[in-house]
Structures are given as structure tokens and as C-alpha cells.
Amino acid sequence: MKITEKLIELENQLNEVLEEIKNLKMKAYMLEEENEKLRRELCHCPEEKKQVVEANAKKIQGEGHDNLARLYNEGFHICHLHFGQTRQGDCLFCMGFLRKM
């Protein structure tokens, strides 16, 4: 393959990456806008609705912790190093993660 052909191929690959970056940037912008909109709506919500939202968030976090603890007790890793793999004995990373939550 000639150097010119390799350069053209590399240029095409770079253009594809740039296009993907543009798409991701647009998605990030849309998510940031939606997040800001939701924050503004939350600021204008009555206190009762805020408490309901916060209670639901705490409930969901509690359920997530319970699910991870259940997975660990069933013999699976929940740490980022070996997540989902079968574990042999205790894992200090998993146990530390459960304690933090």
C-alpha cells in the first residue's frame, strides 16, 4: 500500500472519529440542557413533591444496595475489578464497596 493511500485511509478514520465526537457532544449538550430544565422545575416544585422525589431516590438507592448485597451473598463479585464474576471466598474490594454504601 502506498503512503498516499495510507494517509487517505487515516484521514477517513479521523473524519469518522470527529463525526462521532460531534454526535456525542450534541448528546451531552442535550442531556445538560435537560438536567438544567429538571433542576429548575425541581426548584419550583412544592416542598411535598420534593420530599416525595427524595424519598423515592432513597428507596431506589436502598434497593440497589440490597441487590448488590444479594449478588455478593450468592457468590458473585460486585467490585469494579471483577464485577459479575464468580468469587472464591471473600473479596476485600467487594466488602469495602458494600461498607461505603
N, C-alpha and C. Protein backbone atom coordinates (compact mmCIF):
# COMPACT_ATOMS: atom_id res chain seq x y z
N MET A 1 0.86 -1.17 0.00
CA MET A 1 0.00 0.00 0.00
C MET A 1 0.90 1.24 0.00
N LYS A 2 0.55 2.17 -0.83
CA LYS A 2 1.33 3.40 -0.92
C LYS A 2 1.07 4.29 0.29
N ILE A 3 2.02 5.15 0.55
CA ILE A 3 1.90 6.09 1.67
C ILE A 3 0.69 6.98 1.48
N THR A 4 0.44 7.41 0.26
CA THR A 4 -0.71 8.28 -0.02
C THR A 4 -2.01 7.57 0.33
N GLU A 5 -2.12 6.29 -0.01
CA GLU A 5 -3.33 5.53 0.30
C GLU A 5 -3.50 5.39 1.81
N LYS A 6 -2.40 5.16 2.51
CA LYS A 6 -2.47 5.06 3.97
C LYS A 6 -2.91 6.39 4.59
N LEU A 7 -2.39 7.48 4.05
CA LEU A 7 -2.77 8.81 4.56
C LEU A 7 -4.26 9.08 4.31
N ILE A 8 -4.74 8.70 3.15
CA ILE A 8 -6.16 8.89 2.83
C ILE A 8 -7.01 8.04 3.78
N GLU A 9 -6.60 6.81 4.02
CA GLU A 9 -7.33 5.93 4.93
C GLU A 9 -7.33 6.51 6.35
N LEU A 10 -6.19 7.00 6.79
CA LEU A 10 -6.09 7.62 8.11
C LEU A 10 -6.96 8.86 8.21
N GLU A 11 -6.98 9.66 7.16
CA GLU A 11 -7.81 10.86 7.13
C GLU A 11 -9.29 10.49 7.23
N ASN A 12 -9.70 9.43 6.53
CA ASN A 12 -11.09 8.97 6.60
C ASN A 12 -11.44 8.50 8.01
N GLN A 13 -10.52 7.79 8.64
CA GLN A 13 -10.75 7.33 10.00
C GLN A 13 -10.88 8.52 10.96
N LEU A 14 -10.02 9.50 10.78
CA LEU A 14 -10.08 10.70 11.62
C LEU A 14 -11.40 11.44 11.44
N ASN A 15 -11.86 11.52 10.21
CA ASN A 15 -13.14 12.18 9.93
C ASN A 15 -14.29 11.45 10.61
N GLU A 16 -14.22 10.11 10.61
CA GLU A 16 -15.26 9.32 11.28
C GLU A 16 -15.24 9.58 12.78
N VAL A 17 -14.05 9.63 13.36
CA VAL A 17 -13.93 9.90 14.80
C VAL A 17 -14.44 11.30 15.12
N LEU A 18 -14.09 12.28 14.29
CA LEU A 18 -14.57 13.64 14.51
C LEU A 18 -16.09 13.70 14.43
N GLU A 19 -16.68 12.97 13.52
CA GLU A 19 -18.14 12.95 13.40
C GLU A 19 -18.76 12.33 14.64
N GLU A 20 -18.16 11.27 15.14
CA GLU A 20 -18.66 10.63 16.35
C GLU A 20 -18.53 11.57 17.55
N ILE A 21 -17.43 12.31 17.63
CA ILE A 21 -17.24 13.28 18.71
C ILE A 21 -18.31 14.36 18.63
N LYS A 22 -18.61 14.84 17.41
CA LYS A 22 -19.66 15.86 17.25
C LYS A 22 -21.00 15.33 17.74
N ASN A 23 -21.31 14.08 17.39
CA ASN A 23 -22.58 13.49 17.82
C ASN A 23 -22.64 13.35 19.34
N LEU A 24 -21.54 12.89 19.94
CA LEU A 24 -21.51 12.75 21.40
C LEU A 24 -21.61 14.10 22.08
N LYS A 25 -20.97 15.10 21.51
CA LYS A 25 -21.03 16.45 22.06
C LYS A 25 -22.47 16.97 22.04
N MET A 26 -23.17 16.71 20.95
CA MET A 26 -24.56 17.15 20.85
C MET A 26 -25.43 16.43 21.88
N LYS A 27 -25.21 15.12 22.05
CA LYS A 27 -25.97 14.38 23.05
C LYS A 27 -25.68 14.90 24.45
N ALA A 28 -24.41 15.18 24.74
CA ALA A 28 -24.03 15.72 26.05
C ALA A 28 -24.70 17.07 26.27
N TYR A 29 -24.72 17.89 25.24
CA TYR A 29 -25.37 19.21 25.35
C TYR A 29 -26.85 19.03 25.65
N MET A 30 -27.51 18.11 24.95
CA MET A 30 -28.94 17.89 25.17
C MET A 30 -29.20 17.39 26.60
N LEU A 31 -28.34 16.49 27.08
CA LEU A 31 -28.50 15.98 28.44
C LEU A 31 -28.28 17.07 29.48
N GLU A 32 -27.30 17.93 29.24
CA GLU A 32 -27.05 19.04 30.16
C GLU A 32 -28.24 20.00 30.18
N GLU A 33 -28.81 20.27 29.02
CA GLU A 33 -29.98 21.14 28.95
C GLU A 33 -31.16 20.52 29.69
N GLU A 34 -31.38 19.22 29.48
CA GLU A 34 -32.48 18.54 30.17
C GLU A 34 -32.26 18.54 31.67
N ASN A 35 -31.02 18.31 32.09
CA ASN A 35 -30.69 18.33 33.51
C ASN A 35 -30.98 19.70 34.12
N GLU A 36 -30.57 20.75 33.42
CA GLU A 36 -30.81 22.11 33.91
C GLU A 36 -32.31 22.40 34.00
N LYS A 37 -33.05 21.96 32.99
CA LYS A 37 -34.51 22.15 32.99
C LYS A 37 -35.14 21.44 34.19
N LEU A 38 -34.71 20.20 34.43
CA LEU A 38 -35.26 19.44 35.55
C LEU A 38 -34.89 20.09 36.89
N ARG A 39 -33.68 20.63 36.98
CA ARG A 39 -33.28 21.33 38.22
C ARG A 39 -34.17 22.55 38.45
N ARG A 40 -34.44 23.30 37.36
CA ARG A 40 -35.30 24.48 37.51
C ARG A 40 -36.71 24.07 37.93
N GLU A 41 -37.22 22.99 37.33
CA GLU A 41 -38.55 22.52 37.70
C GLU A 41 -38.58 22.08 39.17
N LEU A 42 -37.51 21.42 39.59
CA LEU A 42 -37.46 20.95 40.97
C LEU A 42 -37.44 22.13 41.95
N CYS A 43 -36.78 23.20 41.57
CA CYS A 43 -36.73 24.38 42.43
C CYS A 43 -38.11 25.02 42.58
N HIS A 44 -38.95 24.86 41.58
CA HIS A 44 -40.28 25.47 41.62
C HIS A 44 -41.35 24.51 42.12
N CYS A 45 -40.93 23.29 42.49
CA CYS A 45 -41.91 22.31 42.99
C CYS A 45 -42.25 22.63 44.44
N PRO A 46 -43.48 22.30 44.81
CA PRO A 46 -43.84 22.44 46.22
C PRO A 46 -42.99 21.50 47.08
N GLU A 47 -42.85 21.84 48.34
CA GLU A 47 -41.99 21.06 49.24
C GLU A 47 -42.44 19.61 49.35
N GLU A 48 -43.76 19.35 49.29
CA GLU A 48 -44.25 17.97 49.40
C GLU A 48 -43.74 17.11 48.24
N LYS A 49 -43.75 17.69 47.03
CA LYS A 49 -43.27 16.94 45.86
C LYS A 49 -41.77 16.67 45.97
N LYS A 50 -41.02 17.65 46.47
CA LYS A 50 -39.58 17.45 46.65
C LYS A 50 -39.33 16.29 47.60
N GLN A 51 -40.10 16.25 48.68
CA GLN A 51 -39.92 15.18 49.67
C GLN A 51 -40.25 13.82 49.07
N VAL A 52 -41.28 13.77 48.23
CA VAL A 52 -41.64 12.51 47.57
C VAL A 52 -40.52 12.05 46.65
N VAL A 53 -39.95 12.98 45.87
CA VAL A 53 -38.85 12.66 44.96
C VAL A 53 -37.64 12.17 45.76
N GLU A 54 -37.29 12.87 46.83
CA GLU A 54 -36.16 12.46 47.65
C GLU A 54 -36.39 11.11 48.30
N ALA A 55 -37.61 10.85 48.75
CA ALA A 55 -37.92 9.55 49.36
C ALA A 55 -37.80 8.43 48.32
N ASN A 56 -38.27 8.69 47.10
CA ASN A 56 -38.13 7.68 46.04
C ASN A 56 -36.68 7.42 45.70
N ALA A 57 -35.86 8.48 45.67
CA ALA A 57 -34.43 8.32 45.38
C ALA A 57 -33.76 7.47 46.46
N LYS A 58 -34.08 7.73 47.72
CA LYS A 58 -33.50 6.95 48.81
C LYS A 58 -33.95 5.49 48.72
N LYS A 59 -35.21 5.28 48.36
CA LYS A 59 -35.74 3.92 48.24
C LYS A 59 -34.99 3.18 47.13
N ILE A 60 -34.80 3.84 46.00
CA ILE A 60 -34.10 3.22 44.87
C ILE A 60 -32.66 2.89 45.25
N GLN A 61 -31.99 3.82 45.94
CA GLN A 61 -30.61 3.57 46.38
C GLN A 61 -30.56 2.38 47.34
N GLY A 62 -31.53 2.31 48.23
CA GLY A 62 -31.58 1.19 49.17
C GLY A 62 -31.78 -0.13 48.46
N GLU A 63 -32.67 -0.13 47.45
CA GLU A 63 -32.90 -1.35 46.68
C GLU A 63 -31.65 -1.75 45.92
N GLY A 64 -30.94 -0.77 45.38
CA GLY A 64 -29.70 -1.06 44.65
C GLY A 64 -28.67 -1.70 45.57
N HIS A 65 -28.53 -1.15 46.77
CA HIS A 65 -27.59 -1.71 47.74
C HIS A 65 -28.01 -3.13 48.11
N ASP A 66 -29.31 -3.33 48.33
CA ASP A 66 -29.81 -4.66 48.68
C ASP A 66 -29.53 -5.66 47.56
N ASN A 67 -29.72 -5.22 46.30
CA ASN A 67 -29.46 -6.12 45.17
C ASN A 67 -27.98 -6.48 45.08
N LEU A 68 -27.09 -5.51 45.30
CA LEU A 68 -25.66 -5.80 45.26
C LEU A 68 -25.27 -6.73 46.40
N ALA A 69 -25.82 -6.50 47.58
CA ALA A 69 -25.53 -7.37 48.72
C ALA A 69 -26.01 -8.79 48.43
N ARG A 70 -27.18 -8.91 47.82
CA ARG A 70 -27.72 -10.23 47.47
C ARG A 70 -26.80 -10.93 46.47
N LEU A 71 -26.34 -10.19 45.45
CA LEU A 71 -25.42 -10.78 44.47
C LEU A 71 -24.14 -11.25 45.14
N TYR A 72 -23.60 -10.44 46.05
CA TYR A 72 -22.38 -10.81 46.75
C TYR A 72 -22.61 -12.08 47.57
N ASN A 73 -23.74 -12.13 48.26
CA ASN A 73 -24.05 -13.31 49.08
C ASN A 73 -24.29 -14.55 48.24
N GLU A 74 -24.69 -14.37 46.97
CA GLU A 74 -24.87 -15.51 46.08
C GLU A 74 -23.56 -15.97 45.46
N GLY A 75 -22.47 -15.27 45.77
CA GLY A 75 -21.16 -15.73 45.32
C GLY A 75 -20.60 -15.00 44.11
N PHE A 76 -21.06 -13.78 43.85
CA PHE A 76 -20.57 -13.00 42.71
C PHE A 76 -19.84 -11.76 43.19
N HIS A 77 -18.86 -11.33 42.41
CA HIS A 77 -18.16 -10.08 42.70
C HIS A 77 -19.07 -8.90 42.36
N ILE A 78 -18.99 -7.85 43.17
CA ILE A 78 -19.71 -6.60 42.89
C ILE A 78 -18.73 -5.44 42.77
N CYS A 79 -17.44 -5.74 42.91
CA CYS A 79 -16.42 -4.69 42.79
C CYS A 79 -16.14 -4.42 41.31
N HIS A 80 -15.57 -3.26 41.04
CA HIS A 80 -15.31 -2.88 39.65
C HIS A 80 -14.24 -3.75 39.00
N LEU A 81 -13.41 -4.38 39.78
CA LEU A 81 -12.33 -5.19 39.21
C LEU A 81 -12.83 -6.49 38.58
N HIS A 82 -13.83 -7.12 39.20
CA HIS A 82 -14.27 -8.44 38.75
C HIS A 82 -15.80 -8.54 38.70
N PHE A 83 -16.47 -7.44 38.46
CA PHE A 83 -17.93 -7.40 38.57
C PHE A 83 -18.59 -8.54 37.79
N GLY A 84 -19.47 -9.27 38.49
CA GLY A 84 -20.25 -10.33 37.86
C GLY A 84 -19.57 -11.68 37.78
N GLN A 85 -18.29 -11.72 38.08
CA GLN A 85 -17.57 -13.00 38.03
C GLN A 85 -17.83 -13.77 39.32
N THR A 86 -17.79 -15.08 39.21
CA THR A 86 -17.95 -15.92 40.39
C THR A 86 -16.75 -15.70 41.30
N ARG A 87 -17.02 -15.60 42.60
CA ARG A 87 -15.91 -15.36 43.51
C ARG A 87 -15.67 -16.60 44.36
N GLN A 88 -14.39 -16.76 44.72
CA GLN A 88 -13.97 -17.85 45.61
C GLN A 88 -13.58 -17.21 46.94
N GLY A 89 -14.38 -17.34 47.96
CA GLY A 89 -14.09 -16.72 49.24
C GLY A 89 -14.46 -15.25 49.24
N ASP A 90 -14.03 -14.54 50.28
CA ASP A 90 -14.37 -13.13 50.41
C ASP A 90 -13.46 -12.27 49.54
N CYS A 91 -13.97 -11.12 49.14
CA CYS A 91 -13.21 -10.16 48.33
C CYS A 91 -13.18 -8.84 49.11
N LEU A 92 -11.99 -8.37 49.41
CA LEU A 92 -11.86 -7.13 50.19
C LEU A 92 -12.44 -5.93 49.44
N PHE A 93 -12.30 -5.91 48.11
CA PHE A 93 -12.84 -4.80 47.33
C PHE A 93 -14.37 -4.78 47.41
N CYS A 94 -14.98 -5.95 47.24
CA CYS A 94 -16.44 -6.04 47.33
C CYS A 94 -16.93 -5.64 48.73
N MET A 95 -16.26 -6.17 49.74
CA MET A 95 -16.69 -5.87 51.10
C MET A 95 -16.52 -4.38 51.41
N GLY A 96 -15.45 -3.78 50.92
CA GLY A 96 -15.26 -2.34 51.11
C GLY A 96 -16.33 -1.55 50.40
N PHE A 97 -16.70 -1.98 49.21
CA PHE A 97 -17.75 -1.30 48.46
C PHE A 97 -19.07 -1.37 49.20
N LEU A 98 -19.40 -2.53 49.74
CA LEU A 98 -20.65 -2.67 50.49
C LEU A 98 -20.66 -1.79 51.74
N ARG A 99 -19.52 -1.66 52.40
CA ARG A 99 -19.44 -0.82 53.60
C ARG A 99 -19.63 0.65 53.29
N LYS A 100 -19.15 1.09 52.12
CA LYS A 100 -19.27 2.51 51.75
C LYS A 100 -20.70 2.91 51.51
N MET A 101 -21.50 2.00 51.03
CA MET A 101 -22.88 2.34 50.66
C MET A 101 -23.72 2.47 51.85
